[in-house]
Amino acid sequence: MCVLCGESVMKIHWTDRKQGHDGSNPIAVAGGQQRARQRDRLHRIRLTNRILRYYSLSVEDWSGSKFILRDKKGRSAVIQDLGELWPAAEKMAGRPLNPLDPSFLSYLASNKT
């Protein structure tokens, strides 16, 4: 239990879980698996920021267990997991975020890095 926010620090969202070789899905990981989980998490953040950049938003890791969503006006919000990201991003952007918007898709196609 986190002494600052009261949240369970052992609760890992399914997007942060690393599937074991035997098909198991551990709740908590340690050691080398923790490094792999963190590396995968940072990769997801890079991909997410590529999408959010179009909406003038960004996300960053917070201690390997939460995310901080920011806009260019200086506002920020703590996000528990990627499942909470999209609604929070829509609220911060002040408009619905349509992943099928042709101008958004054109932006992604022209910014492949």
C-alpha atoms as a PDB file:
ATOM      1  CA  MET A   1       0.000   0.000   0.000  1.00  0.00           C
ATOM      2  CA  CYS A   2       1.404   3.403  -0.973  1.00  0.00           C
ATOM      3  CA  VAL A   3       1.748   5.699   2.059  1.00  0.00           C
ATOM      4  CA  LEU A   4       1.123   8.781  -0.123  1.00  0.00           C
ATOM      5  CA  CYS A   5      -1.944   7.857  -2.144  1.00  0.00           C
ATOM      6  CA  GLY A   6      -3.340   4.775  -0.358  1.00  0.00           C
ATOM      7  CA  GLU A   7      -3.379   2.776  -3.600  1.00  0.00           C
ATOM      8  CA  SER A   8      -2.223  -0.796  -3.800  1.00  0.00           C
ATOM      9  CA  VAL A   9       1.268  -0.784  -5.315  1.00  0.00           C
ATOM     10  CA  MET A  10       1.081  -4.527  -6.016  1.00  0.00           C
ATOM     11  CA  LYS A  11      -1.903  -4.114  -8.345  1.00  0.00           C
ATOM     12  CA  ILE A  12      -0.604  -4.258 -11.893  1.00  0.00           C
ATOM     13  CA  HIS A  13      -2.850  -3.357 -14.828  1.00  0.00           C
ATOM     14  CA  TRP A  14      -3.034  -6.023 -17.525  1.00  0.00           C
ATOM     15  CA  THR A  15      -1.140  -3.758 -19.950  1.00  0.00           C
ATOM     16  CA  ASP A  16       1.872  -3.885 -17.592  1.00  0.00           C
ATOM     17  CA  ARG A  17       1.830  -7.625 -17.013  1.00  0.00           C
ATOM     18  CA  LYS A  18       4.427  -9.789 -18.636  1.00  0.00           C
ATOM     19  CA  GLN A  19       3.118 -13.187 -19.650  1.00  0.00           C
ATOM     20  CA  GLY A  20       5.277 -16.052 -18.393  1.00  0.00           C
ATOM     21  CA  HIS A  21       6.671 -18.739 -20.688  1.00  0.00           C
ATOM     22  CA  ASP A  22       4.260 -21.237 -19.152  1.00  0.00           C
ATOM     23  CA  GLY A  23       1.287 -19.006 -19.883  1.00  0.00           C
ATOM     24  CA  SER A  24       1.101 -17.771 -16.303  1.00  0.00           C
ATOM     25  CA  ASN A  25       0.293 -14.150 -15.725  1.00  0.00           C
ATOM     26  CA  PRO A  26       2.066 -13.083 -12.519  1.00  0.00           C
ATOM     27  CA  ILE A  27       0.561 -10.357 -10.380  1.00  0.00           C
ATOM     28  CA  ALA A  28       3.947  -9.038  -9.251  1.00  0.00           C
ATOM     29  CA  VAL A  29       7.283  -9.329 -10.997  1.00  0.00           C
ATOM     30  CA  ALA A  30      10.803  -8.899  -9.691  1.00  0.00           C
ATOM     31  CA  GLY A  31      14.399  -9.013 -10.842  1.00  0.00           C
ATOM     32  CA  GLY A  32      14.963  -9.447 -14.560  1.00  0.00           C
ATOM     33  CA  GLN A  33      11.232  -9.589 -15.224  1.00  0.00           C
ATOM     34  CA  GLN A  34      10.865  -6.208 -13.559  1.00  0.00           C
ATOM     35  CA  ARG A  35      13.451  -4.708 -15.938  1.00  0.00           C
ATOM     36  CA  ALA A  36      11.656  -6.227 -18.922  1.00  0.00           C
ATOM     37  CA  ARG A  37       8.310  -4.913 -17.623  1.00  0.00           C
ATOM     38  CA  GLN A  38       9.797  -1.423 -17.201  1.00  0.00           C
ATOM     39  CA  ARG A  39      11.370  -1.533 -20.685  1.00  0.00           C
ATOM     40  CA  ASP A  40       8.021  -2.540 -22.206  1.00  0.00           C
ATOM     41  CA  ARG A  41       6.287   0.173 -20.184  1.00  0.00           C
ATOM     42  CA  LEU A  42       8.668   2.848 -21.492  1.00  0.00           C
ATOM     43  CA  HIS A  43       8.090   1.598 -25.048  1.00  0.00           C
ATOM     44  CA  ARG A  44       4.308   1.939 -24.555  1.00  0.00           C
ATOM     45  CA  ILE A  45       4.851   5.473 -23.245  1.00  0.00           C
ATOM     46  CA  ARG A  46       6.852   6.400 -26.369  1.00  0.00           C
ATOM     47  CA  LEU A  47       4.085   5.040 -28.611  1.00  0.00           C
ATOM     48  CA  THR A  48       1.379   6.737 -26.545  1.00  0.00           C
ATOM     49  CA  ASN A  49       3.195  10.062 -26.696  1.00  0.00           C
ATOM     50  CA  ARG A  50       3.365   9.755 -30.468  1.00  0.00           C
ATOM     51  CA  ILE A  51      -0.444   9.642 -30.474  1.00  0.00           C
ATOM     52  CA  LEU A  52      -0.976  12.254 -27.760  1.00  0.00           C
ATOM     53  CA  ARG A  53       1.388  14.747 -29.399  1.00  0.00           C
ATOM     54  CA  TYR A  54      -1.302  15.364 -32.032  1.00  0.00           C
ATOM     55  CA  TYR A  55      -3.591  16.592 -29.242  1.00  0.00           C
ATOM     56  CA  SER A  56      -0.820  18.648 -27.555  1.00  0.00           C
ATOM     57  CA  LEU A  57      -0.704  16.207 -24.648  1.00  0.00           C
ATOM     58  CA  SER A  58       2.000  13.973 -23.223  1.00  0.00           C
ATOM     59  CA  VAL A  59       2.285  11.175 -20.707  1.00  0.00           C
ATOM     60  CA  GLU A  60       5.217  10.137 -18.549  1.00  0.00           C
ATOM     61  CA  ASP A  61       5.968   7.369 -16.125  1.00  0.00           C
ATOM     62  CA  TRP A  62       5.597   7.930 -12.405  1.00  0.00           C
ATOM     63  CA  SER A  63       7.620   5.453 -10.361  1.00  0.00           C
ATOM     64  CA  GLY A  64       6.838   2.561 -12.666  1.00  0.00           C
ATOM     65  CA  SER A  65       3.292   2.242 -11.381  1.00  0.00           C
ATOM     66  CA  LYS A  66       1.287   5.264 -12.541  1.00  0.00           C
ATOM     67  CA  PHE A  67       1.345   7.838 -15.324  1.00  0.00           C
ATOM     68  CA  ILE A  68       1.218  11.622 -15.384  1.00  0.00           C
ATOM     69  CA  LEU A  69      -0.782  13.160 -18.224  1.00  0.00           C
ATOM     70  CA  ARG A  70       0.175  16.747 -19.103  1.00  0.00           C
ATOM     71  CA  ASP A  71      -0.916  19.415 -21.531  1.00  0.00           C
ATOM     72  CA  LYS A  72       0.979  22.445 -22.823  1.00  0.00           C
ATOM     73  CA  LYS A  73      -0.940  24.763 -20.492  1.00  0.00           C
ATOM     74  CA  GLY A  74       0.737  23.155 -17.484  1.00  0.00           C
ATOM     75  CA  ARG A  75      -2.215  21.091 -16.327  1.00  0.00           C
ATOM     76  CA  SER A  76      -1.532  17.548 -15.189  1.00  0.00           C
ATOM     77  CA  ALA A  77      -3.432  14.502 -13.960  1.00  0.00           C
ATOM     78  CA  VAL A  78      -2.302  11.275 -12.341  1.00  0.00           C
ATOM     79  CA  ILE A  79      -3.465   8.261 -14.333  1.00  0.00           C
ATOM     80  CA  GLN A  80      -3.528   4.843 -12.673  1.00  0.00           C
ATOM     81  CA  ASP A  81      -3.097   2.848 -15.878  1.00  0.00           C
ATOM     82  CA  LEU A  82      -3.474   3.074 -19.639  1.00  0.00           C
ATOM     83  CA  GLY A  83      -7.143   2.111 -19.299  1.00  0.00           C
ATOM     84  CA  GLU A  84      -7.809   5.491 -17.696  1.00  0.00           C
ATOM     85  CA  LEU A  85      -5.717   7.418 -20.183  1.00  0.00           C
ATOM     86  CA  TRP A  86      -8.166   7.963 -23.035  1.00  0.00           C
ATOM     87  CA  PRO A  87     -11.049   9.447 -20.965  1.00  0.00           C
ATOM     88  CA  ALA A  88      -8.576  11.639 -19.051  1.00  0.00           C
ATOM     89  CA  ALA A  89      -6.973  12.792 -22.320  1.00  0.00           C
ATOM     90  CA  GLU A  90     -10.392  13.683 -23.759  1.00  0.00           C
ATOM     91  CA  LYS A  91     -11.240  15.656 -20.640  1.00  0.00           C
ATOM     92  CA  MET A  92      -7.913  17.501 -20.695  1.00  0.00           C
ATOM     93  CA  ALA A  93      -8.100  18.182 -24.449  1.00  0.00           C
ATOM     94  CA  GLY A  94     -11.685  19.378 -24.048  1.00  0.00           C
ATOM     95  CA  ARG A  95     -12.939  17.392 -27.001  1.00  0.00           C
ATOM     96  CA  PRO A  96     -13.516  13.788 -28.037  1.00  0.00           C
ATOM     97  CA  LEU A  97     -10.413  12.068 -29.391  1.00  0.00           C
ATOM     98  CA  ASN A  98     -11.395  10.191 -32.520  1.00  0.00           C
ATOM     99  CA  PRO A  99      -8.735   7.632 -33.521  1.00  0.00           C
ATOM    100  CA  LEU A 100     -10.379   7.345 -36.944  1.00  0.00           C
ATOM    101  CA  ASP A 101     -10.253  11.085 -37.699  1.00  0.00           C
ATOM    102  CA  PRO A 102      -8.691  11.385 -41.186  1.00  0.00           C
ATOM    103  CA  SER A 103      -6.465  14.319 -40.162  1.00  0.00           C
ATOM    104  CA  PHE A 104      -5.204  12.324 -37.149  1.00  0.00           C
ATOM    105  CA  LEU A 105      -4.467   9.292 -39.338  1.00  0.00           C
ATOM    106  CA  SER A 106      -2.672  11.539 -41.819  1.00  0.00           C
ATOM    107  CA  TYR A 107      -0.605  12.964 -38.942  1.00  0.00           C
ATOM    108  CA  LEU A 108       0.380   9.442 -37.801  1.00  0.00           C
ATOM    109  CA  ALA A 109       1.315   8.433 -41.334  1.00  0.00           C
ATOM    110  CA  SER A 110       3.539  11.486 -41.784  1.00  0.00           C
ATOM    111  CA  ASN A 111       5.188  11.156 -38.326  1.00  0.00           C
ATOM    112  CA  LYS A 112       6.334   7.559 -38.252  1.00  0.00           C
ATOM    113  CA  THR A 113       9.322   8.128 -35.925  1.00  0.00           C
END
